[in-house]
């Protein structure tokens, strides 16, 4: 079976590619930027360059395919890469190419909280992408993971930077908003298990780790992993909006955006333990599985706070 993976060089994509190869699949990778394929086992995969925002560039990759795994998405807008262009129109472009190629299995990775609420621009774009998949006529599986963690992630490493660099860690609001972080490696297993699986056909499944954690508890786990003690300072949401607005305009990659602030009240956890129930394995907890945050130094933390993510921490 030949499986095409969009976003193959990304944080989740490289793990999906590895898991597919371990299952003996023929893997074709859609790569946006020449040179990015260096993170892949190039001797074992078929590399094609293209962008989900450029339909003509997809034609050379979409042929003789049985399945497509679509992973390309953005959580923050930058230049011409808008939520609509990537998370909605990009999905439509890939679906059209997949339909032309006669694909019989389409796995789409979305996000928990995706909903028909236009003011939540990111989650609305993810919901629109899901609707495009559902209406496509191609047998599909939609997976909605909670917060992903793993070596090279953005969320845990960014928090680790703040914990390492600052004696007092700012916490927006009460810090009681809940997540159910799930390891990217575990999500990759779920993706591969969903391909050409009759039991998963035309299903939407939410994915989370084994425990529900508050934002404040995640900060504590990171501090414990690094081996430091930190005071947490709660900052009211009303006081943080203007500084975040300003950061979005003056630094290249702000640690938080207005869109992300708007999503804070939205539950970020599945209603049940679906990884074990649907896929038959116990997902990894956060505690004991984030030793990678120890690599984040004080200087790294200052860079992250200023909008510069060091490439040795996050290279995608």
Protein backbone atom coordinates (compact mmCIF):
# COMPACT_ATOMS: atom_id res chain seq x y z
CA UNK A 1 0.00 0.00 0.00
CA UNK A 2 1.27 3.48 -0.90
CA UNK A 3 0.40 6.22 1.58
CA UNK A 4 1.00 9.91 0.92
CA UNK A 5 1.69 12.11 3.94
CA UNK A 6 1.28 15.87 3.77
CA UNK A 7 3.30 17.78 6.34
CA UNK A 8 5.69 14.83 6.43
CA UNK A 9 8.63 16.81 7.85
CA UNK A 10 6.65 18.40 10.68
CA UNK A 11 6.49 17.58 14.37
CA UNK A 12 3.80 14.92 13.95
CA UNK A 13 4.54 14.12 10.30
CA UNK A 14 8.00 12.68 10.81
CA UNK A 15 6.59 10.38 13.48
CA UNK A 16 3.77 9.24 11.20
CA UNK A 17 6.26 8.51 8.42
CA UNK A 18 8.42 6.46 10.80
CA UNK A 19 5.40 4.50 12.06
CA UNK A 20 4.24 3.80 8.49
CA UNK A 21 7.66 2.51 7.50
CA UNK A 22 7.70 0.24 10.55
CA UNK A 23 4.41 -1.23 9.31
CA UNK A 24 5.93 -1.95 5.92
CA UNK A 25 4.00 0.73 3.99
CA UNK A 26 5.26 2.47 0.87
CA UNK A 27 5.47 6.12 1.91
CA UNK A 28 5.32 9.19 -0.30
CA UNK A 29 6.06 12.51 1.39
CA UNK A 30 4.79 15.90 0.32
CA UNK A 31 7.50 18.38 1.32
CA UNK A 32 6.93 22.13 1.22
CA UNK A 33 10.52 23.41 1.35
CA UNK A 34 13.42 21.69 -0.46
CA UNK A 35 15.98 20.61 2.13
CA UNK A 36 13.41 19.95 4.86
CA UNK A 37 13.41 16.27 3.87
CA UNK A 38 16.76 15.88 5.66
CA UNK A 39 14.82 14.83 8.79
CA UNK A 40 13.37 11.81 6.95
CA UNK A 41 14.89 8.45 6.00
CA UNK A 42 15.27 9.52 2.38
CA UNK A 43 16.40 6.09 1.21
CA UNK A 44 13.04 4.61 2.23
CA UNK A 45 10.54 7.30 1.20
CA UNK A 46 9.49 8.94 -2.05
CA UNK A 47 9.92 12.72 -1.84
CA UNK A 48 7.74 15.16 -3.78
CA UNK A 49 7.82 18.93 -3.40
CA UNK A 50 4.60 20.90 -3.27
CA UNK A 51 2.27 23.09 -1.27
CA UNK A 52 -1.30 22.42 -0.21
CA UNK A 53 -2.01 26.03 -1.20
CA UNK A 54 -0.82 25.42 -4.78
CA UNK A 55 -3.02 22.80 -6.51
CA UNK A 56 -0.81 22.41 -9.63
CA UNK A 57 2.13 21.44 -7.40
CA UNK A 58 0.13 18.50 -6.02
CA UNK A 59 -0.38 16.76 -9.34
CA UNK A 60 2.99 15.03 -9.52
CA UNK A 61 2.55 13.51 -6.03
CA UNK A 62 -1.05 12.29 -6.24
CA UNK A 63 -0.93 9.15 -8.38
CA UNK A 64 -1.14 5.39 -7.68
CA UNK A 65 -2.23 6.02 -4.10
CA UNK A 66 -4.36 4.00 -1.74
CA UNK A 67 -4.35 6.39 1.21
CA UNK A 68 -3.59 9.97 2.24
CA UNK A 69 -2.70 11.28 5.69
CA UNK A 70 -3.30 15.02 5.83
CA UNK A 71 -1.38 16.82 8.58
CA UNK A 72 -0.69 20.30 7.22
CA UNK A 73 -2.19 23.06 9.39
CA UNK A 74 -1.17 26.29 11.10
CA UNK A 75 -2.11 27.51 14.57
CA UNK A 76 -0.89 31.06 13.98
CA UNK A 77 -1.11 33.18 10.86
CA UNK A 78 1.98 34.58 9.20
CA UNK A 79 2.23 36.66 6.03
CA UNK A 80 0.08 34.96 3.38
CA UNK A 81 -0.42 31.80 5.42
CA UNK A 82 -3.89 32.46 6.82
CA UNK A 83 -6.14 30.04 8.66
CA UNK A 84 -8.51 29.96 5.70
CA UNK A 85 -5.83 29.48 3.07
CA UNK A 86 -4.07 26.61 4.86
CA UNK A 87 -6.62 24.98 7.20
CA UNK A 88 -9.60 25.22 4.86
CA UNK A 89 -8.59 25.79 1.26
CA UNK A 90 -5.52 23.61 1.71
CA UNK A 91 -7.74 20.72 2.82
CA UNK A 92 -10.03 21.24 -0.17
CA UNK A 93 -7.05 21.22 -2.54
CA UNK A 94 -5.72 17.97 -1.07
CA UNK A 95 -9.16 16.35 -1.16
CA UNK A 96 -9.60 17.21 -4.84
CA UNK A 97 -6.17 15.77 -5.66
CA UNK A 98 -6.94 12.66 -3.60
CA UNK A 99 -10.30 12.17 -5.31
CA UNK A 100 -8.68 12.44 -8.75
CA UNK A 101 -6.10 9.84 -7.68
CA UNK A 102 -8.83 7.43 -6.54
CA UNK A 103 -7.78 7.40 -2.89
CA UNK A 104 -9.86 5.02 -0.74
CA UNK A 105 -8.70 6.05 2.74
CA UNK A 106 -8.22 9.63 4.00
CA UNK A 107 -6.97 10.31 7.53
CA UNK A 108 -7.29 13.93 8.60
CA UNK A 109 -5.74 15.24 11.81
CA UNK A 110 -7.79 18.11 13.22
CA UNK A 111 -7.89 19.51 16.77
CA UNK A 112 -10.01 19.12 19.87
CA UNK A 113 -12.41 22.03 20.15
CA UNK A 114 -12.94 22.43 16.40
CA UNK A 115 -16.34 24.11 16.12
CA UNK A 116 -18.68 26.25 14.08
CA UNK A 117 -17.82 29.47 15.94
CA UNK A 118 -16.37 32.11 13.59
CA UNK A 119 -14.92 34.29 16.37
CA UNK A 120 -12.64 31.38 17.35
CA UNK A 121 -10.80 31.72 14.08
CA UNK A 122 -8.39 28.78 14.38
CA UNK A 123 -10.96 26.31 15.72
CA UNK A 124 -13.49 27.49 13.15
CA UNK A 125 -11.00 26.89 10.34
CA UNK A 126 -10.35 23.38 11.65
CA UNK A 127 -14.10 22.70 11.76
CA UNK A 128 -14.45 23.94 8.18
CA UNK A 129 -11.64 21.59 7.14
CA UNK A 130 -13.42 18.69 8.84
CA UNK A 131 -16.64 19.51 7.03
CA UNK A 132 -14.81 19.46 3.71
CA UNK A 133 -13.48 15.98 4.53
CA UNK A 134 -16.93 14.71 5.55
CA UNK A 135 -18.52 16.02 2.35
CA UNK A 136 -15.76 14.77 0.05
CA UNK A 137 -17.18 11.31 -0.60
CA UNK A 138 -13.82 9.70 0.24
CA UNK A 139 -13.85 7.20 3.14
CA UNK A 140 -12.29 9.13 6.01
CA UNK A 141 -11.16 9.13 9.60
CA UNK A 142 -10.89 12.44 11.47
CA UNK A 143 -8.69 12.47 14.57
CA UNK A 144 -8.90 15.35 17.04
CA UNK A 145 -5.93 15.23 19.42
CA UNK A 146 -5.58 17.34 22.52
CA UNK A 147 -2.31 19.15 23.17
CA UNK A 148 0.59 17.22 21.57
CA UNK A 149 3.88 16.76 23.38
CA UNK A 150 7.21 15.25 22.43
CA UNK A 151 10.77 16.18 21.56
CA UNK A 152 10.68 19.26 19.34
CA UNK A 153 7.20 20.38 20.39
CA UNK A 154 6.33 24.04 20.84
CA UNK A 155 4.05 24.16 23.87
CA UNK A 156 6.11 22.24 26.44
CA UNK A 157 9.41 23.69 25.25
CA UNK A 158 8.07 27.25 25.28
CA UNK A 159 6.80 26.81 28.83
CA UNK A 160 10.12 25.22 29.80
CA UNK A 161 11.89 28.30 28.44
CA UNK A 162 9.82 30.56 30.69
CA UNK A 163 10.33 28.27 33.69
CA UNK A 164 14.09 28.18 33.11
CA UNK A 165 14.56 31.90 32.41
CA UNK A 166 12.18 33.54 34.88
CA UNK A 167 12.03 33.25 38.68
CA UNK A 168 8.33 34.11 38.49
CA UNK A 169 6.28 32.34 35.80
CA UNK A 170 3.25 34.26 34.49
CA UNK A 171 0.00 32.28 34.31
CA UNK A 172 -2.87 33.76 32.33
CA UNK A 173 -6.10 33.78 34.30
CA UNK A 174 -6.76 31.16 36.95
CA UNK A 175 -4.53 28.54 35.33
CA UNK A 176 -7.32 26.01 35.85
CA UNK A 177 -8.12 25.54 32.16
CA UNK A 178 -7.72 21.84 31.45
CA UNK A 179 -5.81 19.83 28.86
CA UNK A 180 -5.29 16.14 28.28
CA UNK A 181 -1.84 16.16 26.63
CA UNK A 182 -1.14 13.24 24.33
CA UNK A 183 2.27 12.09 23.09
CA UNK A 184 2.88 12.76 19.41
CA UNK A 185 4.24 9.22 19.07
CA UNK A 186 0.93 7.86 20.36
CA UNK A 187 -1.06 9.99 17.93
CA UNK A 188 1.13 8.67 15.10
CA UNK A 189 0.18 5.12 16.15
CA UNK A 190 -3.49 6.08 16.01
CA UNK A 191 -3.05 7.63 12.57
CA UNK A 192 -1.43 4.50 11.15
CA UNK A 193 -4.06 2.25 12.77
CA UNK A 194 -6.82 4.29 11.09
CA UNK A 195 -5.56 3.82 7.52
CA UNK A 196 -7.67 1.43 5.45
CA UNK A 197 -9.40 0.26 8.63
CA UNK A 198 -13.08 -0.56 8.11
CA UNK A 199 -13.79 -0.09 11.83
CA UNK A 200 -12.51 3.49 11.59
CA UNK A 201 -14.24 4.43 8.34
CA UNK A 202 -16.19 7.70 8.44
CA UNK A 203 -15.52 8.25 12.14
CA UNK A 204 -14.43 11.28 14.16
CA UNK A 205 -12.39 10.36 17.23
CA UNK A 206 -10.97 12.64 19.92
CA UNK A 207 -7.59 11.70 21.38
CA UNK A 208 -6.04 12.48 24.75
CA UNK A 209 -3.44 11.16 27.13
CA UNK A 210 -4.19 9.20 30.31
CA UNK A 211 -4.76 12.21 32.57
CA UNK A 212 -6.46 15.59 32.56
CA UNK A 213 -4.13 18.38 33.71
CA UNK A 214 -4.64 22.05 34.44
CA UNK A 215 -2.30 24.58 32.85
CA UNK A 216 -0.93 25.30 36.31
CA UNK A 217 -0.17 21.62 36.91
CA UNK A 218 1.63 21.38 33.56
CA UNK A 219 3.88 24.28 34.65
CA UNK A 220 4.59 22.41 37.89
CA UNK A 221 5.46 19.17 36.06
CA UNK A 222 7.88 21.04 33.80
CA UNK A 223 9.54 22.73 36.79
CA UNK A 224 9.82 19.37 38.57
CA UNK A 225 11.35 17.79 35.46
CA UNK A 226 13.93 20.56 35.13
CA UNK A 227 14.61 20.47 38.88
CA UNK A 228 13.68 24.02 39.84
CA UNK A 229 11.06 25.68 42.04
CA UNK A 230 9.13 28.60 40.64
CA UNK A 231 6.55 31.07 41.89
CA UNK A 232 3.52 31.45 39.62
CA UNK A 233 2.00 34.88 39.05
CA UNK A 234 -1.63 34.91 37.87
CA UNK A 235 -2.30 37.66 35.34
CA UNK A 236 -5.95 38.55 34.63
CA UNK A 237 -7.00 37.98 31.04
CA UNK A 238 -8.15 41.60 30.79
CA UNK A 239 -4.62 42.82 31.53
CA UNK A 240 -2.84 40.53 29.10
CA UNK A 241 -4.75 41.30 25.91
CA UNK A 242 -3.00 44.55 25.03
CA UNK A 243 0.54 43.23 25.67
CA UNK A 244 -0.28 40.19 23.50
CA UNK A 245 -1.68 42.45 20.76
CA UNK A 246 1.53 44.49 20.91
CA UNK A 247 3.76 41.40 20.86
CA UNK A 248 2.02 40.14 17.72
CA UNK A 249 3.08 43.31 15.95
CA UNK A 250 6.68 43.64 17.10
CA UNK A 251 8.13 40.14 17.52
CA UNK A 252 8.25 37.37 14.90
CA UNK A 253 6.83 34.48 16.92
CA UNK A 254 5.05 35.68 20.06
CA UNK A 255 4.72 33.09 22.84
CA UNK A 256 0.94 33.60 22.77
CA UNK A 257 -1.50 35.18 20.30
CA UNK A 258 -4.91 36.81 20.61
CA UNK A 259 -6.45 33.80 18.86
CA UNK A 260 -4.93 31.51 21.46
CA UNK A 261 -6.20 33.73 24.27
CA UNK A 262 -9.71 33.45 22.82
CA UNK A 263 -9.45 29.65 22.94
CA UNK A 264 -8.51 29.43 26.63
CA UNK A 265 -12.08 28.77 27.86
CA UNK A 266 -12.61 26.00 25.29
CA UNK A 267 -12.24 22.47 26.81
CA UNK A 268 -9.11 20.80 25.47
CA UNK A 269 -9.79 17.19 26.42
CA UNK A 270 -11.82 14.26 25.07
CA UNK A 271 -14.96 13.09 26.78
CA UNK A 272 -13.58 9.56 27.25
CA UNK A 273 -10.33 7.60 27.14
CA UNK A 274 -10.57 6.90 23.43
CA UNK A 275 -6.95 5.91 22.80
CA UNK A 276 -7.28 2.82 24.96
CA UNK A 277 -10.91 2.13 24.06
CA UNK A 278 -10.58 2.56 20.29
CA UNK A 279 -6.93 1.79 19.57
CA UNK A 280 -6.17 -0.69 22.33
CA UNK A 281 -3.11 0.78 24.03
CA UNK A 282 -2.39 2.97 27.03
CA UNK A 283 -1.04 6.40 26.05
CA UNK A 284 1.97 7.91 27.78
CA UNK A 285 1.54 10.39 30.66
CA UNK A 286 3.33 13.74 30.65
CA UNK A 287 5.26 13.21 33.88
CA UNK A 288 8.30 11.05 33.20
CA UNK A 289 8.14 11.54 29.42
CA UNK A 290 9.29 15.12 28.88
CA UNK A 291 13.00 14.90 29.69
CA UNK A 292 13.58 16.81 26.44
CA UNK A 293 12.69 20.06 28.29
CA UNK A 294 15.97 19.72 30.21
CA UNK A 295 17.75 20.81 27.02
CA UNK A 296 16.17 24.26 27.22
CA UNK A 297 18.60 26.74 28.76
CA UNK A 298 18.13 30.23 30.21
CA UNK A 299 19.28 31.91 27.02
CA UNK A 300 16.87 29.70 25.06
CA UNK A 301 14.09 30.82 27.37
CA UNK A 302 14.86 34.49 26.79
CA UNK A 303 14.91 33.92 23.03
CA UNK A 304 11.55 32.13 23.20
CA UNK A 305 10.06 35.00 25.24
CA UNK A 306 11.28 37.41 22.55
CA UNK A 307 9.70 35.37 19.76
CA UNK A 308 12.69 33.37 18.54
CA UNK A 309 12.41 29.59 18.87
CA UNK A 310 15.93 28.06 18.82
CA UNK A 311 16.26 25.52 15.98
CA UNK A 312 18.00 22.98 18.24
CA UNK A 313 14.75 22.82 20.23
CA UNK A 314 12.16 23.05 17.45
CA UNK A 315 13.42 22.46 13.90
CA UNK A 316 10.15 22.47 11.95
